[in-house]
């Protein structure tokens, strides 16, 4: 049976984050917190943002209340505060396991859900569309991270979806 596209997209998201973590471990440790002129003040701040947003959207997909989601934001801010590269990598790993457990337990990834936002109102969408949003958001900010790494005179790592497809197809 073919894997649902939302599951494959999420697997790509995890793969791309892991590629970036692996590349950063090859670089001087200080670049993770080095201030740069960019959309985020540092690589650490960008990773914190991605992690926070991924956490928020998992709460939305689990159909948690806005109060519960707001509480998770405060937890994440505390959890990620002053964390180094290895600690952030562990947090991302744990969150990916939570996502995978949730997504694999869902019998219908195309089911409709209607999250309510205090500012934007109700959104009638599908679970799979929210997975796509999480992946798109991560892709966008991995682009920021690559630019921030290059700004420091170092090379990034390619994390395009097509490279993921080549890699998974070469191992089959």
N, C-alpha and C. Protein backbone atom coordinates (compact mmCIF):
# COMPACT_ATOMS: atom_id res chain seq x y z
N UNK A 1 0.84 -1.19 0.00
CA UNK A 1 0.00 0.00 0.00
C UNK A 1 0.88 1.25 0.00
N UNK A 2 0.55 2.18 -0.86
CA UNK A 2 1.34 3.41 -0.99
C UNK A 2 1.09 4.32 0.22
N UNK A 3 2.17 4.94 0.68
CA UNK A 3 2.11 5.86 1.81
C UNK A 3 1.32 7.10 1.42
N UNK A 4 0.47 7.58 2.31
CA UNK A 4 -0.29 8.82 2.06
C UNK A 4 0.70 9.96 1.82
N UNK A 5 0.37 10.83 0.88
CA UNK A 5 1.28 11.92 0.52
C UNK A 5 1.62 12.81 1.72
N UNK A 6 0.67 13.03 2.61
CA UNK A 6 0.94 13.85 3.80
C UNK A 6 2.02 13.21 4.67
N UNK A 7 2.01 11.89 4.78
CA UNK A 7 3.04 11.19 5.56
C UNK A 7 4.40 11.32 4.89
N UNK A 8 4.41 11.21 3.57
CA UNK A 8 5.68 11.36 2.84
C UNK A 8 6.20 12.78 2.97
N UNK A 9 5.31 13.76 2.89
CA UNK A 9 5.74 15.15 3.06
C UNK A 9 6.32 15.37 4.45
N UNK A 10 5.66 14.80 5.46
CA UNK A 10 6.19 14.99 6.81
C UNK A 10 7.55 14.29 6.95
N UNK A 11 7.69 13.11 6.36
CA UNK A 11 8.99 12.43 6.38
C UNK A 11 10.06 13.30 5.74
N UNK A 12 9.70 13.99 4.67
CA UNK A 12 10.64 14.93 4.03
C UNK A 12 11.03 16.04 5.00
N UNK A 13 10.05 16.58 5.71
CA UNK A 13 10.30 17.66 6.68
C UNK A 13 11.34 17.21 7.71
N UNK A 14 11.16 16.01 8.23
CA UNK A 14 12.10 15.46 9.21
C UNK A 14 13.47 15.25 8.57
N UNK A 15 13.49 14.68 7.37
CA UNK A 15 14.74 14.45 6.65
C UNK A 15 15.50 15.76 6.45
N UNK A 16 14.80 16.79 5.99
CA UNK A 16 15.44 18.08 5.71
C UNK A 16 15.98 18.72 6.99
N UNK A 17 15.21 18.67 8.07
CA UNK A 17 15.70 19.20 9.34
C UNK A 17 16.95 18.44 9.78
N UNK A 18 16.93 17.12 9.65
CA UNK A 18 18.09 16.31 10.04
C UNK A 18 19.31 16.64 9.20
N UNK A 19 19.12 16.86 7.90
CA UNK A 19 20.24 17.25 7.02
C UNK A 19 20.88 18.55 7.53
N UNK A 20 20.04 19.48 7.91
CA UNK A 20 20.54 20.77 8.39
C UNK A 20 21.27 20.60 9.72
N UNK A 21 20.71 19.82 10.63
CA UNK A 21 21.41 19.56 11.90
C UNK A 21 22.76 18.90 11.66
N UNK A 22 22.80 17.91 10.77
CA UNK A 22 24.06 17.23 10.47
C UNK A 22 25.09 18.20 9.91
N UNK A 23 24.66 19.10 9.02
CA UNK A 23 25.58 20.09 8.46
C UNK A 23 26.09 21.03 9.54
N UNK A 24 25.20 21.48 10.41
CA UNK A 24 25.61 22.42 11.45
C UNK A 24 26.61 21.80 12.42
N UNK A 25 26.51 20.50 12.65
CA UNK A 25 27.46 19.83 13.54
C UNK A 25 28.87 19.78 12.94
N UNK A 26 28.97 19.96 11.63
CA UNK A 26 30.28 19.99 10.96
C UNK A 26 30.93 21.38 11.02
N UNK A 27 30.15 22.38 11.37
CA UNK A 27 30.62 23.77 11.35
C UNK A 27 31.05 24.22 12.74
N UNK A 28 31.76 25.36 12.82
CA UNK A 28 32.15 25.87 14.14
C UNK A 28 30.92 26.07 15.04
N UNK A 29 31.03 25.62 16.27
CA UNK A 29 29.91 25.62 17.22
C UNK A 29 29.31 27.01 17.42
N UNK A 30 30.15 28.03 17.41
CA UNK A 30 29.68 29.38 17.74
C UNK A 30 28.72 29.97 16.70
N UNK A 31 28.67 29.42 15.49
CA UNK A 31 27.78 30.02 14.49
C UNK A 31 26.30 29.85 14.85
N UNK A 32 25.98 28.87 15.69
CA UNK A 32 24.58 28.61 16.03
C UNK A 32 23.95 29.83 16.73
N UNK A 33 24.72 30.50 17.58
CA UNK A 33 24.20 31.66 18.31
C UNK A 33 24.74 32.99 17.79
N UNK A 34 25.57 32.94 16.74
CA UNK A 34 26.16 34.15 16.17
C UNK A 34 25.07 35.08 15.64
N UNK A 35 25.13 36.34 16.01
CA UNK A 35 24.15 37.31 15.49
C UNK A 35 24.44 37.61 14.04
N UNK A 36 23.36 37.68 13.25
CA UNK A 36 23.45 38.01 11.83
C UNK A 36 22.35 39.01 11.50
N UNK A 37 22.52 39.68 10.37
CA UNK A 37 21.49 40.60 9.87
C UNK A 37 20.58 39.80 8.95
N UNK A 38 19.47 39.35 9.48
CA UNK A 38 18.56 38.51 8.70
C UNK A 38 17.17 38.60 9.30
N UNK A 39 16.28 37.77 8.81
CA UNK A 39 14.91 37.73 9.33
C UNK A 39 14.89 37.29 10.79
N UNK A 40 15.85 36.46 11.20
CA UNK A 40 16.04 36.05 12.59
C UNK A 40 17.42 36.53 13.03
N UNK A 41 17.59 36.84 14.31
CA UNK A 41 18.89 37.33 14.76
C UNK A 41 19.99 36.27 14.81
N UNK A 42 19.60 34.99 14.79
CA UNK A 42 20.59 33.91 14.84
C UNK A 42 19.96 32.62 14.32
N UNK A 43 20.82 31.65 14.02
CA UNK A 43 20.32 30.33 13.63
C UNK A 43 19.48 29.73 14.75
N UNK A 44 19.94 29.92 15.99
CA UNK A 44 19.20 29.39 17.14
C UNK A 44 17.78 29.94 17.18
N UNK A 45 17.64 31.24 16.94
CA UNK A 45 16.30 31.86 16.96
C UNK A 45 15.41 31.31 15.86
N UNK A 46 15.99 31.04 14.70
CA UNK A 46 15.21 30.47 13.59
C UNK A 46 14.75 29.06 13.93
N UNK A 47 15.64 28.25 14.50
CA UNK A 47 15.25 26.90 14.90
C UNK A 47 14.17 26.94 15.98
N UNK A 48 14.31 27.86 16.93
CA UNK A 48 13.29 28.00 17.97
C UNK A 48 11.93 28.31 17.35
N UNK A 49 11.93 29.19 16.36
CA UNK A 49 10.68 29.56 15.69
C UNK A 49 10.05 28.35 14.99
N UNK A 50 10.84 27.63 14.23
CA UNK A 50 10.32 26.45 13.52
C UNK A 50 9.74 25.45 14.52
N UNK A 51 10.48 25.22 15.59
CA UNK A 51 10.04 24.26 16.61
C UNK A 51 8.73 24.71 17.25
N UNK A 52 8.64 26.00 17.56
CA UNK A 52 7.42 26.51 18.18
C UNK A 52 6.22 26.36 17.24
N UNK A 53 6.39 26.75 16.01
CA UNK A 53 5.28 26.68 15.05
C UNK A 53 4.88 25.23 14.80
N UNK A 54 5.86 24.33 14.69
CA UNK A 54 5.53 22.91 14.53
C UNK A 54 4.72 22.41 15.73
N UNK A 55 5.09 22.84 16.93
CA UNK A 55 4.37 22.45 18.14
C UNK A 55 2.94 22.98 18.12
N UNK A 56 2.78 24.23 17.73
CA UNK A 56 1.45 24.84 17.66
C UNK A 56 0.56 24.06 16.70
N UNK A 57 1.08 23.76 15.51
CA UNK A 57 0.26 23.08 14.50
C UNK A 57 -0.07 21.64 14.89
N UNK A 58 0.81 21.00 15.64
CA UNK A 58 0.45 19.66 16.14
C UNK A 58 -0.73 19.78 17.09
N UNK A 59 -0.73 20.80 17.93
CA UNK A 59 -1.87 21.05 18.81
C UNK A 59 -3.15 21.30 18.03
N UNK A 60 -3.05 22.08 16.96
CA UNK A 60 -4.22 22.35 16.11
C UNK A 60 -4.72 21.05 15.49
N UNK A 61 -3.81 20.25 14.97
CA UNK A 61 -4.21 18.98 14.33
C UNK A 61 -4.86 18.03 15.34
N UNK A 62 -4.39 18.10 16.57
CA UNK A 62 -4.98 17.26 17.62
C UNK A 62 -6.28 17.86 18.14
N UNK A 63 -6.66 18.99 17.57
CA UNK A 63 -7.89 19.71 17.89
C UNK A 63 -7.93 20.15 19.35
N UNK A 64 -6.79 20.63 19.82
CA UNK A 64 -6.71 21.19 21.17
C UNK A 64 -7.35 22.57 21.17
N UNK A 65 -7.73 23.02 22.35
CA UNK A 65 -8.34 24.35 22.47
C UNK A 65 -7.25 25.41 22.34
N UNK A 66 -7.68 26.64 22.06
CA UNK A 66 -6.74 27.75 21.94
C UNK A 66 -6.02 27.97 23.27
N UNK A 67 -6.71 27.77 24.38
CA UNK A 67 -6.09 27.91 25.70
C UNK A 67 -4.96 26.89 25.87
N UNK A 68 -5.21 25.65 25.46
CA UNK A 68 -4.18 24.60 25.54
C UNK A 68 -3.00 24.93 24.63
N UNK A 69 -3.29 25.43 23.45
CA UNK A 69 -2.23 25.77 22.50
C UNK A 69 -1.40 26.94 23.03
N UNK A 70 -2.06 27.94 23.59
CA UNK A 70 -1.32 29.07 24.15
C UNK A 70 -0.44 28.63 25.32
N UNK A 71 -0.92 27.69 26.11
CA UNK A 71 -0.10 27.15 27.21
C UNK A 71 1.12 26.42 26.65
N UNK A 72 0.94 25.73 25.53
CA UNK A 72 2.08 25.01 24.92
C UNK A 72 3.12 26.00 24.40
N UNK A 73 2.68 27.17 23.96
CA UNK A 73 3.62 28.20 23.48
C UNK A 73 4.54 28.63 24.62
N UNK A 74 3.96 28.89 25.79
CA UNK A 74 4.76 29.29 26.95
C UNK A 74 5.74 28.17 27.33
N UNK A 75 5.29 26.93 27.26
CA UNK A 75 6.15 25.78 27.56
C UNK A 75 7.32 25.71 26.59
N UNK A 76 7.02 25.88 25.31
CA UNK A 76 8.06 25.79 24.28
C UNK A 76 9.08 26.91 24.45
N UNK A 77 8.60 28.11 24.76
CA UNK A 77 9.53 29.23 24.96
C UNK A 77 10.51 28.91 26.09
N UNK A 78 10.01 28.31 27.15
CA UNK A 78 10.87 27.93 28.27
C UNK A 78 11.78 26.76 27.89
N UNK A 79 11.22 25.81 27.18
CA UNK A 79 11.93 24.59 26.79
C UNK A 79 13.10 24.88 25.85
N UNK A 80 12.95 25.86 24.97
CA UNK A 80 13.97 26.14 23.96
C UNK A 80 14.94 27.25 24.37
N UNK A 81 14.67 27.91 25.46
CA UNK A 81 15.48 29.05 25.90
C UNK A 81 16.93 28.62 26.13
N UNK A 82 17.84 29.31 25.45
CA UNK A 82 19.29 29.11 25.59
C UNK A 82 19.75 27.68 25.29
N UNK A 83 19.04 26.99 24.43
CA UNK A 83 19.43 25.62 24.08
C UNK A 83 20.47 25.65 22.96
N UNK A 84 21.42 24.74 23.06
CA UNK A 84 22.44 24.60 22.04
C UNK A 84 21.95 23.71 20.90
N UNK A 85 22.81 23.51 19.94
CA UNK A 85 22.47 22.74 18.74
C UNK A 85 22.02 21.32 19.08
N UNK A 86 22.80 20.60 19.88
CA UNK A 86 22.45 19.21 20.20
C UNK A 86 21.13 19.12 20.96
N UNK A 87 20.91 20.06 21.86
CA UNK A 87 19.65 20.05 22.63
C UNK A 87 18.46 20.33 21.71
N UNK A 88 18.64 21.26 20.78
CA UNK A 88 17.54 21.54 19.84
C UNK A 88 17.29 20.34 18.93
N UNK A 89 18.36 19.67 18.53
CA UNK A 89 18.20 18.49 17.69
C UNK A 89 17.37 17.43 18.42
N UNK A 90 17.62 17.24 19.71
CA UNK A 90 16.85 16.28 20.51
C UNK A 90 15.38 16.68 20.60
N UNK A 91 15.14 17.97 20.79
CA UNK A 91 13.75 18.45 20.85
C UNK A 91 13.03 18.20 19.53
N UNK A 92 13.70 18.49 18.42
CA UNK A 92 13.11 18.25 17.10
C UNK A 92 12.84 16.75 16.90
N UNK A 93 13.76 15.91 17.35
CA UNK A 93 13.59 14.47 17.23
C UNK A 93 12.35 14.01 18.01
N UNK A 94 12.22 14.49 19.24
CA UNK A 94 11.07 14.11 20.06
C UNK A 94 9.76 14.60 19.45
N UNK A 95 9.76 15.83 18.93
CA UNK A 95 8.56 16.37 18.31
C UNK A 95 8.20 15.58 17.05
N UNK A 96 9.20 15.19 16.28
CA UNK A 96 8.94 14.38 15.08
C UNK A 96 8.30 13.05 15.46
N UNK A 97 8.75 12.44 16.55
CA UNK A 97 8.15 11.19 17.02
C UNK A 97 6.69 11.41 17.41
N UNK A 98 6.41 12.55 18.06
CA UNK A 98 5.02 12.86 18.42
C UNK A 98 4.16 13.01 17.16
N UNK A 99 4.66 13.76 16.19
CA UNK A 99 3.94 13.93 14.92
C UNK A 99 3.69 12.58 14.26
N UNK A 100 4.74 11.78 14.15
CA UNK A 100 4.62 10.50 13.46
C UNK A 100 3.64 9.59 14.18
N UNK A 101 3.68 9.58 15.51
CA UNK A 101 2.73 8.78 16.26
C UNK A 101 1.31 9.24 16.01
N UNK A 102 1.11 10.55 16.02
CA UNK A 102 -0.23 11.11 15.77
C UNK A 102 -0.69 10.80 14.35
N UNK A 103 0.13 11.13 13.37
CA UNK A 103 -0.27 10.95 11.97
C UNK A 103 -0.50 9.48 11.63
N UNK A 104 0.33 8.60 12.16
CA UNK A 104 0.16 7.17 11.89
C UNK A 104 -1.06 6.58 12.59
N UNK A 105 -1.52 7.25 13.64
CA UNK A 105 -2.71 6.75 14.35
C UNK A 105 -4.01 7.24 13.72
N UNK A 106 -3.90 8.22 12.83
CA UNK A 106 -5.09 8.77 12.17
C UNK A 106 -5.52 7.85 11.03
N UNK A 107 -6.77 7.45 11.05
CA UNK A 107 -7.26 6.56 9.99
C UNK A 107 -7.56 7.32 8.70
N UNK A 108 -7.80 8.63 8.81
CA UNK A 108 -8.14 9.43 7.63
C UNK A 108 -7.39 10.75 7.66
N UNK A 109 -6.28 10.81 6.95
CA UNK A 109 -5.49 12.05 6.92
C UNK A 109 -6.13 13.13 6.07
N UNK A 110 -7.17 12.77 5.33
CA UNK A 110 -7.90 13.77 4.53
C UNK A 110 -9.18 14.23 5.22
N UNK A 111 -9.33 13.86 6.48
CA UNK A 111 -10.56 14.26 7.17
C UNK A 111 -10.60 15.77 7.35
N UNK A 112 -11.81 16.29 7.37
CA UNK A 112 -11.99 17.73 7.57
C UNK A 112 -11.88 18.06 9.05
N UNK A 113 -11.19 19.16 9.31
CA UNK A 113 -11.17 19.72 10.65
C UNK A 113 -11.41 21.21 10.50
N UNK A 114 -11.88 21.82 11.57
CA UNK A 114 -12.25 23.24 11.52
C UNK A 114 -11.67 23.99 12.71
N UNK A 115 -10.36 24.24 12.69
CA UNK A 115 -9.77 24.99 13.81
C UNK A 115 -10.29 26.42 13.85
N UNK A 116 -10.38 26.93 15.05
CA UNK A 116 -10.87 28.29 15.29
C UNK A 116 -9.70 29.13 15.77
N UNK A 117 -9.49 30.27 15.12
CA UNK A 117 -8.42 31.19 15.50
C UNK A 117 -9.07 32.47 16.03
N UNK A 118 -8.57 33.02 17.14
CA UNK A 118 -9.21 34.22 17.71
C UNK A 118 -9.22 35.43 16.78
N UNK A 119 -8.24 35.54 15.90
CA UNK A 119 -8.16 36.68 14.99
C UNK A 119 -8.74 36.37 13.61
N UNK A 120 -8.48 35.18 13.09
CA UNK A 120 -8.84 34.85 11.71
C UNK A 120 -10.14 34.07 11.58
N UNK A 121 -10.66 33.59 12.69
CA UNK A 121 -11.92 32.85 12.65
C UNK A 121 -11.74 31.37 12.38
N UNK A 122 -12.80 30.75 11.90
CA UNK A 122 -12.82 29.31 11.64
C UNK A 122 -12.23 29.02 10.26
N UNK A 123 -11.45 27.95 10.21
CA UNK A 123 -10.87 27.49 8.94
C UNK A 123 -11.35 26.07 8.69
N UNK A 124 -12.10 25.88 7.62
CA UNK A 124 -12.50 24.54 7.22
C UNK A 124 -11.43 24.00 6.28
N UNK A 125 -10.73 22.98 6.73
CA UNK A 125 -9.59 22.45 5.98
C UNK A 125 -9.50 20.95 6.21
N UNK A 126 -8.44 20.38 5.72
CA UNK A 126 -8.20 18.94 5.89
C UNK A 126 -6.90 18.76 6.66
N UNK A 127 -6.84 17.72 7.42
CA UNK A 127 -5.64 17.41 8.19
C UNK A 127 -4.41 17.39 7.28
N UNK A 128 -4.53 16.78 6.12
CA UNK A 128 -3.39 16.69 5.19
C UNK A 128 -2.93 18.08 4.73
N UNK A 129 -3.84 19.03 4.62
CA UNK A 129 -3.45 20.39 4.22
C UNK A 129 -2.64 21.07 5.32
N UNK A 130 -2.97 20.78 6.56
CA UNK A 130 -2.19 21.36 7.66
C UNK A 130 -0.80 20.75 7.72
N UNK A 131 -0.68 19.46 7.40
CA UNK A 131 0.64 18.84 7.31
C UNK A 131 1.44 19.55 6.22
N UNK A 132 0.81 19.79 5.09
CA UNK A 132 1.50 20.49 4.00
C UNK A 132 1.93 21.88 4.45
N UNK A 133 1.11 22.55 5.23
CA UNK A 133 1.48 23.88 5.72
C UNK A 133 2.72 23.80 6.63
N UNK A 134 2.74 22.82 7.53
CA UNK A 134 3.89 22.65 8.42
C UNK A 134 5.16 22.44 7.59
N UNK A 135 5.07 21.60 6.59
CA UNK A 135 6.22 21.31 5.73
C UNK A 135 6.64 22.55 4.95
N UNK A 136 5.68 23.27 4.38
CA UNK A 136 5.99 24.51 3.64
C UNK A 136 6.67 25.53 4.55
N UNK A 137 6.15 25.68 5.76
CA UNK A 137 6.71 26.62 6.71
C UNK A 137 8.16 26.25 7.02
N UNK A 138 8.40 24.97 7.25
CA UNK A 138 9.77 24.52 7.52
C UNK A 138 10.69 24.75 6.34
N UNK A 139 10.20 24.48 5.14
CA UNK A 139 11.00 24.68 3.93
C UNK A 139 11.39 26.15 3.79
N UNK A 140 10.42 27.03 3.99
CA UNK A 140 10.68 28.47 3.90
C UNK A 140 11.81 28.88 4.86
N UNK A 141 11.70 28.44 6.11
CA UNK A 141 12.69 28.87 7.09
C UNK A 141 14.02 28.13 6.97
N UNK A 142 14.01 26.92 6.42
CA UNK A 142 15.30 26.28 6.13
C UNK A 142 16.04 27.09 5.06
N UNK A 143 15.31 27.71 4.16
CA UNK A 143 15.92 28.62 3.19
C UNK A 143 16.56 29.81 3.90
N UNK A 144 15.85 30.36 4.89
CA UNK A 144 16.43 31.44 5.70
C UNK A 144 17.71 30.97 6.39
N UNK A 145 17.63 29.77 6.97
CA UNK A 145 18.80 29.23 7.67
C UNK A 145 19.99 29.05 6.73
N UNK A 146 19.74 28.56 5.53
CA UNK A 146 20.83 28.40 4.55
C UNK A 146 21.45 29.74 4.21
N UNK A 147 20.62 30.75 4.03
CA UNK A 147 21.14 32.09 3.74
C UNK A 147 21.96 32.62 4.91
N UNK A 148 21.50 32.36 6.13
CA UNK A 148 22.22 32.83 7.32
C UNK A 148 23.57 32.12 7.46
N UNK A 149 23.62 30.85 7.10
CA UNK A 149 24.89 30.11 7.13
C UNK A 149 25.84 30.68 6.09
N UNK A 150 25.34 30.92 4.88
CA UNK A 150 26.18 31.49 3.81
C UNK A 150 26.65 32.90 4.17
N UNK A 151 25.80 33.64 4.86
CA UNK A 151 26.16 34.99 5.28
C UNK A 151 27.39 34.96 6.21
N UNK A 152 27.59 33.84 6.88
CA UNK A 152 28.74 33.69 7.78
C UNK A 152 29.95 33.08 7.06
N UNK A 153 29.86 33.02 5.72
CA UNK A 153 30.98 32.56 4.91
C UNK A 153 31.11 31.05 4.81
N UNK A 154 30.04 30.34 5.13
CA UNK A 154 30.07 28.87 5.11
C UNK A 154 29.02 28.36 4.13
N UNK A 155 29.15 27.12 3.74
CA UNK A 155 28.17 26.57 2.80
C UNK A 155 27.08 25.82 3.57
N UNK A 156 25.88 25.87 3.02
CA UNK A 156 24.76 25.17 3.62
C UNK A 156 24.69 23.74 3.11
N UNK A 157 23.49 23.20 3.11
CA UNK A 157 23.27 21.84 2.63
C UNK A 157 21.98 21.85 1.81
N UNK A 158 21.96 21.17 0.67
CA UNK A 158 20.72 21.15 -0.12
C UNK A 158 19.65 20.30 0.58
N UNK A 159 18.47 20.88 0.73
CA UNK A 159 17.36 20.17 1.36
C UNK A 159 16.11 20.21 0.49
N UNK A 160 16.29 20.39 -0.80
CA UNK A 160 15.14 20.41 -1.71
C UNK A 160 14.40 19.07 -1.67
N UNK A 161 13.11 19.13 -1.87
CA UNK A 161 12.27 17.93 -1.85
C UNK A 161 12.76 16.89 -2.86
N UNK A 162 13.20 17.34 -4.03
CA UNK A 162 13.65 16.40 -5.05
C UNK A 162 14.87 15.61 -4.58
N UNK A 163 15.75 16.22 -3.78
CA UNK A 163 16.90 15.49 -3.25
C UNK A 163 16.45 14.40 -2.27
N UNK A 164 15.41 14.71 -1.51
CA UNK A 164 14.81 13.70 -0.63
C UNK A 164 14.28 12.54 -1.46
N UNK A 165 13.56 12.86 -2.54
CA UNK A 165 13.00 11.81 -3.39
C UNK A 165 14.11 10.94 -3.99
N UNK A 166 15.18 11.59 -4.47
CA UNK A 166 16.30 10.81 -5.01
C UNK A 166 16.88 9.89 -3.93
N UNK A 167 17.04 10.43 -2.74
CA UNK A 167 17.64 9.63 -1.67
C UNK A 167 16.76 8.44 -1.27
N UNK A 168 15.47 8.67 -1.11
CA UNK A 168 14.62 7.54 -0.69
C UNK A 168 14.45 6.53 -1.82
N UNK A 169 14.50 6.98 -3.06
CA UNK A 169 14.37 6.05 -4.17
C UNK A 169 15.65 5.26 -4.43
N UNK A 170 16.78 5.81 -4.03
CA UNK A 170 18.05 5.09 -4.22
C UNK A 170 18.22 3.99 -3.17
N UNK A 171 17.46 4.08 -2.08
CA UNK A 171 17.57 3.07 -1.02
C UNK A 171 16.53 1.97 -1.15
N UNK A 172 15.68 2.06 -2.17
CA UNK A 172 14.63 1.04 -2.36
C UNK A 172 15.14 -0.13 -3.15
